[in-house]
PDB file of N, CA and C in Angstrom:
ATOM      1  N   MET A   1      10.141 -21.556   6.485  1.00  0.00           N
ATOM      2  CA  MET A   1      10.100 -20.432   5.509  1.00  0.00           C
ATOM      3  C   MET A   1      10.677 -19.164   6.353  1.00  0.00           C
ATOM      4  N   PRO A   2      11.452 -18.478   5.632  1.00  0.00           N
ATOM      5  CA  PRO A   2      12.167 -17.316   6.335  1.00  0.00           C
ATOM      6  C   PRO A   2      11.171 -16.226   6.635  1.00  0.00           C
ATOM      7  N   TRP A   3      11.429 -15.502   7.601  1.00  0.00           N
ATOM      8  CA  TRP A   3      10.532 -14.444   7.916  1.00  0.00           C
ATOM      9  C   TRP A   3      10.253 -13.396   6.838  1.00  0.00           C
ATOM     10  N   PRO A   4      11.114 -12.994   6.121  1.00  0.00           N
ATOM     11  CA  PRO A   4      10.826 -11.946   5.035  1.00  0.00           C
ATOM     12  C   PRO A   4       9.670 -12.391   4.216  1.00  0.00           C
ATOM     13  N   ILE A   5       9.853 -13.901   3.847  1.00  0.00           N
ATOM     14  CA  ILE A   5       8.589 -14.372   3.153  1.00  0.00           C
ATOM     15  C   ILE A   5       7.023 -14.138   3.780  1.00  0.00           C
ATOM     16  N   TRP A   6       7.268 -14.597   5.137  1.00  0.00           N
ATOM     17  CA  TRP A   6       5.955 -14.271   5.704  1.00  0.00           C
ATOM     18  C   TRP A   6       5.517 -13.024   5.865  1.00  0.00           C
ATOM     19  N   LEU A   7       6.614 -12.057   5.991  1.00  0.00           N
ATOM     20  CA  LEU A   7       6.101 -10.771   6.068  1.00  0.00           C
ATOM     21  C   LEU A   7       5.624 -10.236   4.708  1.00  0.00           C
ATOM     22  N   ALA A   8       6.065 -10.592   3.712  1.00  0.00           N
ATOM     23  CA  ALA A   8       5.683 -10.235   2.357  1.00  0.00           C
ATOM     24  C   ALA A   8       4.448 -10.824   1.898  1.00  0.00           C
ATOM     25  N   TRP A   9       4.124 -12.090   2.493  1.00  0.00           N
ATOM     26  CA  TRP A   9       2.724 -12.557   2.249  1.00  0.00           C
ATOM     27  C   TRP A   9       1.945 -11.971   3.033  1.00  0.00           C
ATOM     28  N   ILE A  10       1.951 -11.413   4.397  1.00  0.00           N
ATOM     29  CA  ILE A  10       1.103 -10.597   5.265  1.00  0.00           C
ATOM     30  C   ILE A  10       0.762  -9.136   4.393  1.00  0.00           C
ATOM     31  N   LEU A  11       1.956  -8.701   4.047  1.00  0.00           N
ATOM     32  CA  LEU A  11       1.685  -7.224   3.165  1.00  0.00           C
ATOM     33  C   LEU A  11       0.864  -7.600   1.889  1.00  0.00           C
ATOM     34  N   ALA A  12       1.099  -8.680   1.221  1.00  0.00           N
ATOM     35  CA  ALA A  12       0.209  -8.999   0.139  1.00  0.00           C
ATOM     36  C   ALA A  12      -1.319  -9.171   0.534  1.00  0.00           C
ATOM     37  N   LEU A  13      -1.638  -9.980   1.554  1.00  0.00           N
ATOM     38  CA  LEU A  13      -2.921 -10.017   2.012  1.00  0.00           C
ATOM     39  C   LEU A  13      -3.455  -8.536   2.448  1.00  0.00           C
ATOM     40  N   PHE A  14      -2.871  -7.837   3.096  1.00  0.00           N
ATOM     41  CA  PHE A  14      -3.070  -6.517   3.598  1.00  0.00           C
ATOM     42  C   PHE A  14      -3.526  -5.637   2.261  1.00  0.00           C
ATOM     43  N   PHE A  15      -2.508  -5.593   1.240  1.00  0.00           N
ATOM     44  CA  PHE A  15      -2.837  -4.983  -0.137  1.00  0.00           C
ATOM     45  C   PHE A  15      -4.088  -5.496  -0.902  1.00  0.00           C
ATOM     46  N   ALA A  16      -4.342  -6.962  -0.803  1.00  0.00           N
ATOM     47  CA  ALA A  16      -5.292  -7.504  -1.551  1.00  0.00           C
ATOM     48  C   ALA A  16      -6.700  -6.965  -0.861  1.00  0.00           C
ATOM     49  N   VAL A  17      -6.818  -7.165   0.524  1.00  0.00           N
ATOM     50  CA  VAL A  17      -8.000  -6.807   0.971  1.00  0.00           C
ATOM     51  C   VAL A  17      -8.167  -5.318   0.770  1.00  0.00           C
ATOM     52  N   ASN A  18      -7.171  -4.331   1.068  1.00  0.00           N
ATOM     53  CA  ASN A  18      -7.482  -2.975   0.882  1.00  0.00           C
ATOM     54  C   ASN A  18      -7.719  -2.761  -0.590  1.00  0.00           C
ATOM     55  N   GLY A  19      -7.000  -3.306  -1.565  1.00  0.00           N
ATOM     56  CA  GLY A  19      -7.537  -3.338  -2.930  1.00  0.00           C
ATOM     57  C   GLY A  19      -8.977  -3.472  -3.288  1.00  0.00           C
ATOM     58  N   VAL A  20      -9.577  -4.656  -2.801  1.00  0.00           N
ATOM     59  CA  VAL A  20     -10.925  -5.085  -2.980  1.00  0.00           C
ATOM     60  C   VAL A  20     -11.646  -3.867  -2.465  1.00  0.00           C
ATOM     61  N   VAL A  21     -11.337  -3.343  -1.006  1.00  0.00           N
ATOM     62  CA  VAL A  21     -12.258  -2.310  -0.436  1.00  0.00           C
ATOM     63  C   VAL A  21     -12.306  -1.273  -1.290  1.00  0.00           C
ATOM     64  N   ASN A  22     -11.053  -0.731  -1.840  1.00  0.00           N
ATOM     65  CA  ASN A  22     -11.037   0.400  -2.754  1.00  0.00           C
ATOM     66  C   ASN A  22     -11.920   0.166  -4.009  1.00  0.00           C
ATOM     67  N   LEU A  23     -11.831  -0.863  -4.569  1.00  0.00           N
ATOM     68  CA  LEU A  23     -12.631  -1.121  -5.754  1.00  0.00           C
ATOM     69  C   LEU A  23     -14.233  -1.136  -5.347  1.00  0.00           C
ATOM     70  N   ILE A  24     -14.492  -1.482  -4.343  1.00  0.00           N
ATOM     71  CA  ILE A  24     -15.979  -1.329  -3.917  1.00  0.00           C
ATOM     72  C   ILE A  24     -16.213   0.126  -3.670  1.00  0.00           C
ATOM     73  N   GLY A  25     -15.289   0.847  -3.124  1.00  0.00           N
ATOM     74  CA  GLY A  25     -15.377   2.237  -2.718  1.00  0.00           C
ATOM     75  C   GLY A  25     -16.525   2.633  -1.892  1.00  0.00           C
ATOM     76  N   PRO A  26     -16.435   2.343  -0.647  1.00  0.00           N
ATOM     77  CA  PRO A  26     -17.268   2.915   0.350  1.00  0.00           C
ATOM     78  C   PRO A  26     -17.497   4.233   0.229  1.00  0.00           C
ATOM     79  N   LYS A  27     -18.698   4.785   0.603  1.00  0.00           N
ATOM     80  CA  LYS A  27     -18.929   6.063   0.392  1.00  0.00           C
ATOM     81  C   LYS A  27     -17.772   7.214   1.250  1.00  0.00           C
ATOM     82  N   GLY A  28     -17.682   6.753   2.393  1.00  0.00           N
ATOM     83  CA  GLY A  28     -16.556   7.399   3.143  1.00  0.00           C
ATOM     84  C   GLY A  28     -15.284   7.754   2.392  1.00  0.00           C
ATOM     85  N   MET A  29     -14.796   6.566   1.669  1.00  0.00           N
ATOM     86  CA  MET A  29     -13.483   6.552   1.285  1.00  0.00           C
ATOM     87  C   MET A  29     -13.617   7.644  -0.031  1.00  0.00           C
ATOM     88  N   ARG A  30     -14.765   7.445  -0.916  1.00  0.00           N
ATOM     89  CA  ARG A  30     -14.790   8.295  -2.056  1.00  0.00           C
ATOM     90  C   ARG A  30     -14.993   9.649  -1.659  1.00  0.00           C
ATOM     91  N   ASP A  31     -15.732  10.142  -0.468  1.00  0.00           N
ATOM     92  CA  ASP A  31     -15.753  11.272   0.054  1.00  0.00           C
ATOM     93  C   ASP A  31     -14.347  11.805   0.395  1.00  0.00           C
ATOM     94  N   SER A  32     -13.644  11.136   0.892  1.00  0.00           N
ATOM     95  CA  SER A  32     -12.143  11.462   1.166  1.00  0.00           C
ATOM     96  C   SER A  32     -11.453  11.815   0.112  1.00  0.00           C
ATOM     97  N   PHE A  33     -11.556  10.867  -0.910  1.00  0.00           N
ATOM     98  CA  PHE A  33     -10.871  11.199  -2.055  1.00  0.00           C
ATOM     99  C   PHE A  33     -11.164  12.467  -2.837  1.00  0.00           C
ATOM    100  N   ALA A  34     -12.505  12.669  -2.687  1.00  0.00           N
ATOM    101  CA  ALA A  34     -12.967  13.841  -3.331  1.00  0.00           C
ATOM    102  C   ALA A  34     -12.711  15.077  -2.522  1.00  0.00           C
ATOM    103  N   ARG A  35     -12.497  14.919  -1.333  1.00  0.00           N
ATOM    104  CA  ARG A  35     -12.053  16.141  -0.548  1.00  0.00           C
ATOM    105  C   ARG A  35     -10.647  16.340  -0.754  1.00  0.00           C
ATOM    106  N   TRP A  36      -9.869  15.356  -1.108  1.00  0.00           N
ATOM    107  CA  TRP A  36      -8.463  15.599  -1.334  1.00  0.00           C
ATOM    108  C   TRP A  36      -8.292  16.229  -2.945  1.00  0.00           C
ATOM    109  N   GLY A  37      -9.384  16.278  -3.724  1.00  0.00           N
ATOM    110  CA  GLY A  37      -9.374  16.624  -5.035  1.00  0.00           C
ATOM    111  C   GLY A  37      -9.033  15.619  -6.068  1.00  0.00           C
ATOM    112  N   TYR A  38      -9.174  14.190  -5.684  1.00  0.00           N
ATOM    113  CA  TYR A  38      -9.033  13.175  -6.619  1.00  0.00           C
ATOM    114  C   TYR A  38     -10.291  12.984  -7.624  1.00  0.00           C
ATOM    115  N   PRO A  39     -10.324  12.505  -8.653  1.00  0.00           N
ATOM    116  CA  PRO A  39     -11.398  12.206  -9.578  1.00  0.00           C
ATOM    117  C   PRO A  39     -12.244  11.131  -9.058  1.00  0.00           C
ATOM    118  N   SER A  40     -13.551  11.266  -9.298  1.00  0.00           N
ATOM    119  CA  SER A  40     -14.283  10.208  -8.741  1.00  0.00           C
ATOM    120  C   SER A  40     -13.894   8.712  -9.114  1.00  0.00           C
ATOM    121  N   TRP A  41     -13.222   8.387 -10.055  1.00  0.00           N
ATOM    122  CA  TRP A  41     -12.749   7.039 -10.447  1.00  0.00           C
ATOM    123  C   TRP A  41     -11.518   6.714  -9.685  1.00  0.00           C
ATOM    124  N   PHE A  42     -11.015   7.627  -9.028  1.00  0.00           N
ATOM    125  CA  PHE A  42      -9.658   7.265  -8.288  1.00  0.00           C
ATOM    126  C   PHE A  42      -9.684   6.182  -7.541  1.00  0.00           C
ATOM    127  N   HIS A  43     -10.773   5.811  -6.653  1.00  0.00           N
ATOM    128  CA  HIS A  43     -10.710   4.633  -5.889  1.00  0.00           C
ATOM    129  C   HIS A  43     -10.765   3.269  -6.741  1.00  0.00           C
ATOM    130  N   LEU A  44     -10.998   3.221  -7.996  1.00  0.00           N
ATOM    131  CA  LEU A  44     -10.860   2.055  -8.876  1.00  0.00           C
ATOM    132  C   LEU A  44      -9.242   2.107  -9.236  1.00  0.00           C
ATOM    133  N   LEU A  45      -8.612   3.208  -9.662  1.00  0.00           N
ATOM    134  CA  LEU A  45      -7.181   2.965  -9.870  1.00  0.00           C
ATOM    135  C   LEU A  45      -6.376   2.658  -8.565  1.00  0.00           C
ATOM    136  N   ASN A  46      -6.848   3.094  -7.476  1.00  0.00           N
ATOM    137  CA  ASN A  46      -6.213   2.879  -6.318  1.00  0.00           C
ATOM    138  C   ASN A  46      -6.159   1.512  -5.888  1.00  0.00           C
ATOM    139  N   GLY A  47      -7.402   0.879  -5.921  1.00  0.00           N
ATOM    140  CA  GLY A  47      -7.781  -0.435  -5.890  1.00  0.00           C
ATOM    141  C   GLY A  47      -7.106  -1.338  -6.704  1.00  0.00           C
ATOM    142  N   ILE A  48      -7.116  -1.296  -7.902  1.00  0.00           N
ATOM    143  CA  ILE A  48      -6.032  -1.910  -9.060  1.00  0.00           C
ATOM    144  C   ILE A  48      -4.748  -1.794  -8.735  1.00  0.00           C
ATOM    145  N   LEU A  49      -4.109  -0.641  -8.355  1.00  0.00           N
ATOM    146  CA  LEU A  49      -2.786  -0.627  -7.990  1.00  0.00           C
ATOM    147  C   LEU A  49      -2.504  -1.387  -6.735  1.00  0.00           C
ATOM    148  N   GLN A  50      -3.239  -1.492  -5.771  1.00  0.00           N
ATOM    149  CA  GLN A  50      -3.159  -2.293  -4.501  1.00  0.00           C
ATOM    150  C   GLN A  50      -3.000  -3.849  -4.876  1.00  0.00           C
ATOM    151  N   LEU A  51      -3.988  -4.238  -5.690  1.00  0.00           N
ATOM    152  CA  LEU A  51      -4.005  -5.658  -5.957  1.00  0.00           C
ATOM    153  C   LEU A  51      -3.002  -5.964  -6.770  1.00  0.00           C
ATOM    154  N   ALA A  52      -2.356  -5.181  -7.713  1.00  0.00           N
ATOM    155  CA  ALA A  52      -1.194  -5.328  -8.381  1.00  0.00           C
ATOM    156  C   ALA A  52       0.257  -5.495  -7.561  1.00  0.00           C
ATOM    157  N   ILE A  53      -0.030  -4.519  -6.368  1.00  0.00           N
ATOM    158  CA  ILE A  53       1.278  -4.811  -5.361  1.00  0.00           C
ATOM    159  C   ILE A  53       1.036  -6.020  -4.827  1.00  0.00           C
ATOM    160  N   ALA A  54      -0.210  -6.515  -4.447  1.00  0.00           N
ATOM    161  CA  ALA A  54      -0.374  -7.836  -3.741  1.00  0.00           C
ATOM    162  C   ALA A  54       0.191  -9.093  -4.798  1.00  0.00           C
ATOM    163  N   VAL A  55      -0.280  -9.031  -5.842  1.00  0.00           N
ATOM    164  CA  VAL A  55       0.475 -10.012  -6.705  1.00  0.00           C
ATOM    165  C   VAL A  55       1.895 -10.057  -6.991  1.00  0.00           C
ATOM    166  N   LEU A  56       2.413  -8.918  -7.060  1.00  0.00           N
ATOM    167  CA  LEU A  56       3.799  -8.776  -7.108  1.00  0.00           C
ATOM    168  C   LEU A  56       4.604  -9.270  -5.800  1.00  0.00           C
ATOM    169  N   LEU A  57       4.062  -8.986  -4.669  1.00  0.00           N
ATOM    170  CA  LEU A  57       4.532  -9.313  -3.583  1.00  0.00           C
ATOM    171  C   LEU A  57       4.555 -10.839  -3.321  1.00  0.00           C
ATOM    172  N   LEU A  58       3.670 -11.620  -3.881  1.00  0.00           N
ATOM    173  CA  LEU A  58       3.507 -12.975  -3.753  1.00  0.00           C
ATOM    174  C   LEU A  58       4.619 -13.831  -4.552  1.00  0.00           C
ATOM    175  N   MET A  59       5.318 -13.173  -5.394  1.00  0.00           N
ATOM    176  CA  MET A  59       6.214 -14.046  -6.308  1.00  0.00           C
ATOM    177  C   MET A  59       7.610 -13.450  -6.074  1.00  0.00           C
ATOM    178  N   GLY A  60       8.598 -14.289  -5.665  1.00  0.00           N
ATOM    179  CA  GLY A  60       9.773 -14.022  -5.443  1.00  0.00           C
ATOM    180  C   GLY A  60      10.419 -13.133  -6.406  1.00  0.00           C
ATOM    181  N   ALA A  61      10.248 -13.360  -7.803  1.00  0.00           N
ATOM    182  CA  ALA A  61      10.950 -12.608  -8.737  1.00  0.00           C
ATOM    183  C   ALA A  61      10.699 -11.286  -8.827  1.00  0.00           C
ATOM    184  N   THR A  62       9.150 -10.929  -8.454  1.00  0.00           N
ATOM    185  CA  THR A  62       8.771  -9.501  -8.394  1.00  0.00           C
ATOM    186  C   THR A  62       8.436  -8.954  -7.129  1.00  0.00           C
ATOM    187  N   ARG A  63       8.973  -9.503  -6.177  1.00  0.00           N
ATOM    188  CA  ARG A  63       8.733  -9.078  -4.753  1.00  0.00           C
ATOM    189  C   ARG A  63       9.201  -7.716  -4.417  1.00  0.00           C
ATOM    190  N   LEU A  64      10.585  -7.416  -4.823  1.00  0.00           N
ATOM    191  CA  LEU A  64      11.259  -6.081  -4.532  1.00  0.00           C
ATOM    192  C   LEU A  64      10.563  -5.066  -5.472  1.00  0.00           C
ATOM    193  N   LEU A  65       9.927  -5.392  -6.530  1.00  0.00           N
ATOM    194  CA  LEU A  65       9.158  -4.476  -7.394  1.00  0.00           C
ATOM    195  C   LEU A  65       7.780  -3.969  -6.686  1.00  0.00           C
ATOM    196  N   GLY A  66       7.201  -4.993  -6.045  1.00  0.00           N
ATOM    197  CA  GLY A  66       6.052  -4.905  -5.244  1.00  0.00           C
ATOM    198  C   GLY A  66       6.341  -4.065  -3.898  1.00  0.00           C
ATOM    199  N   LEU A  67       7.470  -4.472  -3.413  1.00  0.00           N
ATOM    200  CA  LEU A  67       7.838  -3.297  -2.109  1.00  0.00           C
ATOM    201  C   LEU A  67       8.103  -2.024  -2.560  1.00  0.00           C
ATOM    202  N   GLY A  68       8.781  -1.909  -3.580  1.00  0.00           N
ATOM    203  CA  GLY A  68       9.010  -0.540  -4.209  1.00  0.00           C
ATOM    204  C   GLY A  68       7.807   0.316  -4.491  1.00  0.00           C
ATOM    205  N   LEU A  69       6.810  -0.445  -5.075  1.00  0.00           N
ATOM    206  CA  LEU A  69       5.493   0.245  -5.451  1.00  0.00           C
ATOM    207  C   LEU A  69       4.678   0.508  -4.018  1.00  0.00           C
ATOM    208  N   GLY A  70       4.918  -0.524  -3.218  1.00  0.00           N
ATOM    209  CA  GLY A  70       4.143  -0.326  -1.895  1.00  0.00           C
ATOM    210  C   GLY A  70       4.811   0.993  -1.273  1.00  0.00           C
ATOM    211  N   THR A  71       5.995   1.122  -1.317  1.00  0.00           N
ATOM    212  CA  THR A  71       6.820   2.220  -0.572  1.00  0.00           C
ATOM    213  C   THR A  71       6.210   3.721  -1.320  1.00  0.00           C
ATOM    214  N   LEU A  72       6.250   3.635  -2.571  1.00  0.00           N
ATOM    215  CA  LEU A  72       5.615   4.818  -3.471  1.00  0.00           C
ATOM    216  C   LEU A  72       4.320   5.071  -2.866  1.00  0.00           C
ATOM    217  N   LEU A  73       3.396   4.276  -2.799  1.00  0.00           N
ATOM    218  CA  LEU A  73       2.059   4.326  -2.500  1.00  0.00           C
ATOM    219  C   LEU A  73       1.931   5.065  -1.119  1.00  0.00           C
ATOM    220  N   CYS A  74       2.951   4.540  -0.137  1.00  0.00           N
ATOM    221  CA  CYS A  74       2.973   5.150   1.278  1.00  0.00           C
ATOM    222  C   CYS A  74       3.318   6.640   1.061  1.00  0.00           C
ATOM    223  N   LEU A  75       4.251   6.869   0.243  1.00  0.00           N
ATOM    224  CA  LEU A  75       4.916   8.204   0.152  1.00  0.00           C
ATOM    225  C   LEU A  75       3.819   9.107  -0.524  1.00  0.00           C
ATOM    226  N   ALA A  76       3.043   8.527  -1.454  1.00  0.00           N
ATOM    227  CA  ALA A  76       1.649   9.457  -1.974  1.00  0.00           C
ATOM    228  C   ALA A  76       0.642   9.593  -0.887  1.00  0.00           C
ATOM    229  N   ILE A  77       0.602   8.574  -0.040  1.00  0.00           N
ATOM    230  CA  ILE A  77      -0.401   8.771   1.186  1.00  0.00           C
ATOM    231  C   ILE A  77      -0.043   9.908   2.025  1.00  0.00           C
ATOM    232  N   PHE A  78       1.539   9.948   2.429  1.00  0.00           N
ATOM    233  CA  PHE A  78       1.916  10.980   3.266  1.00  0.00           C
ATOM    234  C   PHE A  78       1.638  12.219   2.515  1.00  0.00           C
ATOM    235  N   ALA A  79       1.986  12.238   1.411  1.00  0.00           N
ATOM    236  CA  ALA A  79       2.144  13.809   0.549  1.00  0.00           C
ATOM    237  C   ALA A  79       0.457  14.255   0.699  1.00  0.00           C
ATOM    238  N   THR A  80      -0.446  13.338   0.237  1.00  0.00           N
ATOM    239  CA  THR A  80      -1.598  13.781   0.368  1.00  0.00           C
ATOM    240  C   THR A  80      -2.051  14.185   1.931  1.00  0.00           C
ATOM    241  N   LEU A  81      -1.985  13.243   2.983  1.00  0.00           N
ATOM    242  CA  LEU A  81      -2.318  13.730   4.088  1.00  0.00           C
ATOM    243  C   LEU A  81      -1.718  15.012   4.576  1.00  0.00           C
ATOM    244  N   ILE A  82      -0.362  15.234   4.465  1.00  0.00           N
ATOM    245  CA  ILE A  82       0.248  16.263   4.939  1.00  0.00           C
ATOM    246  C   ILE A  82      -0.274  17.638   4.033  1.00  0.00           C
ATOM    247  N   ARG A  83      -0.416  17.384   2.776  1.00  0.00           N
ATOM    248  CA  ARG A  83      -0.746  18.657   2.050  1.00  0.00           C
ATOM    249  C   ARG A  83      -2.123  19.152   2.461  1.00  0.00           C
ATOM    250  N   HIS A  84      -3.008  18.163   2.875  1.00  0.00           N
ATOM    251  CA  HIS A  84      -4.371  18.683   3.299  1.00  0.00           C
ATOM    252  C   HIS A  84      -4.453  18.574   4.968  1.00  0.00           C
ATOM    253  N   HIS A  85      -3.438  18.794   5.398  1.00  0.00           N
ATOM    254  CA  HIS A  85      -3.469  19.175   6.959  1.00  0.00           C
ATOM    255  C   HIS A  85      -4.172  17.789   7.786  1.00  0.00           C
ATOM    256  N   GLU A  86      -3.913  16.736   7.513  1.00  0.00           N
ATOM    257  CA  GLU A  86      -4.435  15.720   7.955  1.00  0.00           C
ATOM    258  C   GLU A  86      -3.333  14.589   8.813  1.00  0.00           C
ATOM    259  N   ALA A  87      -2.217  15.312   9.186  1.00  0.00           N
ATOM    260  CA  ALA A  87      -1.175  14.203   9.524  1.00  0.00           C
ATOM    261  C   ALA A  87      -1.515  13.501  10.790  1.00  0.00           C
ATOM    262  N   ALA A  88      -2.631  13.852  11.496  1.00  0.00           N
ATOM    263  CA  ALA A  88      -2.902  12.885  12.474  1.00  0.00           C
ATOM    264  C   ALA A  88      -3.389  11.632  12.037  1.00  0.00           C
ATOM    265  N   HIS A  89      -3.535  11.511  10.760  1.00  0.00           N
ATOM    266  CA  HIS A  89      -4.048  10.149  10.266  1.00  0.00           C
ATOM    267  C   HIS A  89      -2.778   9.247   9.428  1.00  0.00           C
ATOM    268  N   LEU A  90      -1.552   9.820   9.952  1.00  0.00           N
ATOM    269  CA  LEU A  90      -0.318   9.340   9.187  1.00  0.00           C
ATOM    270  C   LEU A  90       0.007   7.991   9.938  1.00  0.00           C
ATOM    271  N   LEU A  91      -0.224   7.774  11.158  1.00  0.00           N
ATOM    272  CA  LEU A  91       0.268   6.612  11.822  1.00  0.00           C
ATOM    273  C   LEU A  91       0.119   5.088  11.006  1.00  0.00           C
ATOM    274  N   PRO A  92      -1.008   4.905  10.545  1.00  0.00           N
ATOM    275  CA  PRO A  92      -1.220   3.635   9.921  1.00  0.00           C
ATOM    276  C   PRO A  92      -0.202   3.585   8.686  1.00  0.00           C
ATOM    277  N   SER A  93      -0.023   4.642   7.957  1.00  0.00           N
ATOM    278  CA  SER A  93       0.586   4.685   6.656  1.00  0.00           C
ATOM    279  C   SER A  93       2.278   4.527   7.201  1.00  0.00           C
ATOM    280  N   VAL A  94       2.659   5.025   8.449  1.00  0.00           N
ATOM    281  CA  VAL A  94       4.090   4.945   8.785  1.00  0.00           C
ATOM    282  C   VAL A  94       4.402   3.516   9.342  1.00  0.00           C
ATOM    283  N   VAL A  95       3.410   2.993  10.036  1.00  0.00           N
ATOM    284  CA  VAL A  95       3.578   1.379  10.264  1.00  0.00           C
ATOM    285  C   VAL A  95       3.583   0.691   8.948  1.00  0.00           C
ATOM    286  N   LEU A  96       2.903   0.896   7.925  1.00  0.00           N
ATOM    287  CA  LEU A  96       2.823   0.061   6.821  1.00  0.00           C
ATOM    288  C   LEU A  96       4.121   0.256   6.166  1.00  0.00           C
ATOM    289  N   LEU A  97       4.684   1.510   5.884  1.00  0.00           N
ATOM    290  CA  LEU A  97       5.952   1.717   5.330  1.00  0.00           C
ATOM    291  C   LEU A  97       7.075   1.156   6.287  1.00  0.00           C
ATOM    292  N   LEU A  98       7.018   1.061   7.441  1.00  0.00           N
ATOM    293  CA  LEU A  98       8.093   0.399   8.264  1.00  0.00           C
ATOM    294  C   LEU A  98       8.222  -1.157   7.899  1.00  0.00           C
ATOM    295  N   VAL A  99       6.971  -1.743   7.901  1.00  0.00           N
ATOM    296  CA  VAL A  99       6.777  -3.117   7.632  1.00  0.00           C
ATOM    297  C   VAL A  99       7.513  -3.283   6.324  1.00  0.00           C
ATOM    298  N   ILE A 100       7.000  -2.656   5.233  1.00  0.00           N
ATOM    299  CA  ILE A 100       7.768  -2.766   3.878  1.00  0.00           C
ATOM    300  C   ILE A 100       9.093  -2.726   3.936  1.00  0.00           C
ATOM    301  N   LEU A 101       9.643  -1.747   4.618  1.00  0.00           N
ATOM    302  CA  LEU A 101      11.174  -1.609   4.644  1.00  0.00           C
ATOM    303  C   LEU A 101      11.782  -2.589   5.445  1.00  0.00           C
ATOM    304  N   VAL A 102      11.191  -3.166   6.520  1.00  0.00           N
ATOM    305  CA  VAL A 102      12.012  -4.194   7.132  1.00  0.00           C
ATOM    306  C   VAL A 102      11.818  -5.488   6.174  1.00  0.00           C
ATOM    307  N   THR A 103      10.642  -5.815   5.540  1.00  0.00           N
ATOM    308  CA  THR A 103      10.545  -6.886   4.641  1.00  0.00           C
ATOM    309  C   THR A 103      11.588  -6.708   3.615  1.00  0.00           C
ATOM    310  N   ALA A 104      11.892  -5.567   2.864  1.00  0.00           N
ATOM    311  CA  ALA A 104      12.768  -5.406   1.901  1.00  0.00           C
ATOM    312  C   ALA A 104      14.235  -5.674   2.449  1.00  0.00           C
ATOM    313  N   TYR A 105      14.481  -5.147   3.558  1.00  0.00           N
ATOM    314  CA  TYR A 105      15.812  -5.282   4.288  1.00  0.00           C
ATOM    315  C   TYR A 105      15.951  -6.859   4.299  1.00  0.00           C
ATOM    316  N   GLY A 106      15.014  -7.547   4.869  1.00  0.00           N
ATOM    317  CA  GLY A 106      15.012  -9.126   5.005  1.00  0.00           C
ATOM    318  C   GLY A 106      15.170  -9.953   3.781  1.00  0.00           C
ATOM    319  N   TRP A 107      14.405  -9.390   2.745  1.00  0.00           N
ATOM    320  CA  TRP A 107      14.572 -10.005   1.398  1.00  0.00           C
ATOM    321  C   TRP A 107      16.025  -9.845   0.751  1.00  0.00           C
ATOM    322  N   THR A 108      16.507  -8.590   0.766  1.00  0.00           N
ATOM    323  CA  THR A 108      17.739  -8.281   0.086  1.00  0.00           C
ATOM    324  C   THR A 108      18.859  -8.797   0.905  1.00  0.00           C
ATOM    325  N   ALA A 109      18.792  -8.976   2.299  1.00  0.00           N
ATOM    326  CA  ALA A 109      19.925  -9.638   3.059  1.00  0.00           C
ATOM    327  C   ALA A 109      19.961 -11.032   2.892  1.00  0.00           C
ATOM    328  N   ALA A 110      18.737 -11.596   2.736  1.00  0.00           N
ATOM    329  CA  ALA A 110      18.738 -13.196   2.514  1.00  0.00           C
ATOM    330  C   ALA A 110      19.178 -13.356   1.285  1.00  0.00           C
ATOM    331  N   GLY A 111      19.045 -12.553   0.153  1.00  0.00           N
ATOM    332  CA  GLY A 111      19.183 -12.916  -1.154  1.00  0.00           C
ATOM    333  C   GLY A 111      20.508 -12.550  -1.897  1.00  0.00           C
TER     334      GLY A 111
END
């Protein structure tokens, strides 16, 4: 199986796990969303979005859409963290974005 598919599946697993965690909404996460000005239900929306990205990444026909939505999610995270002067927390999102971009490159180069 080509490496872009493996990376897409790893990303799908990441987004699925993170989506479930968001749906559960641990107190620390909900507190962070509240501190950033998001409504109390935002963790649910975020969880649903991440689960949708995971599903899109699993299917070849929708993989690029999933990668695009994952990219937009990373950009939203960047904007939130920079706006609230929490740039020290950007590294995980930068790594995630790089993996998404490498996967997108591999997927488009192979197709």
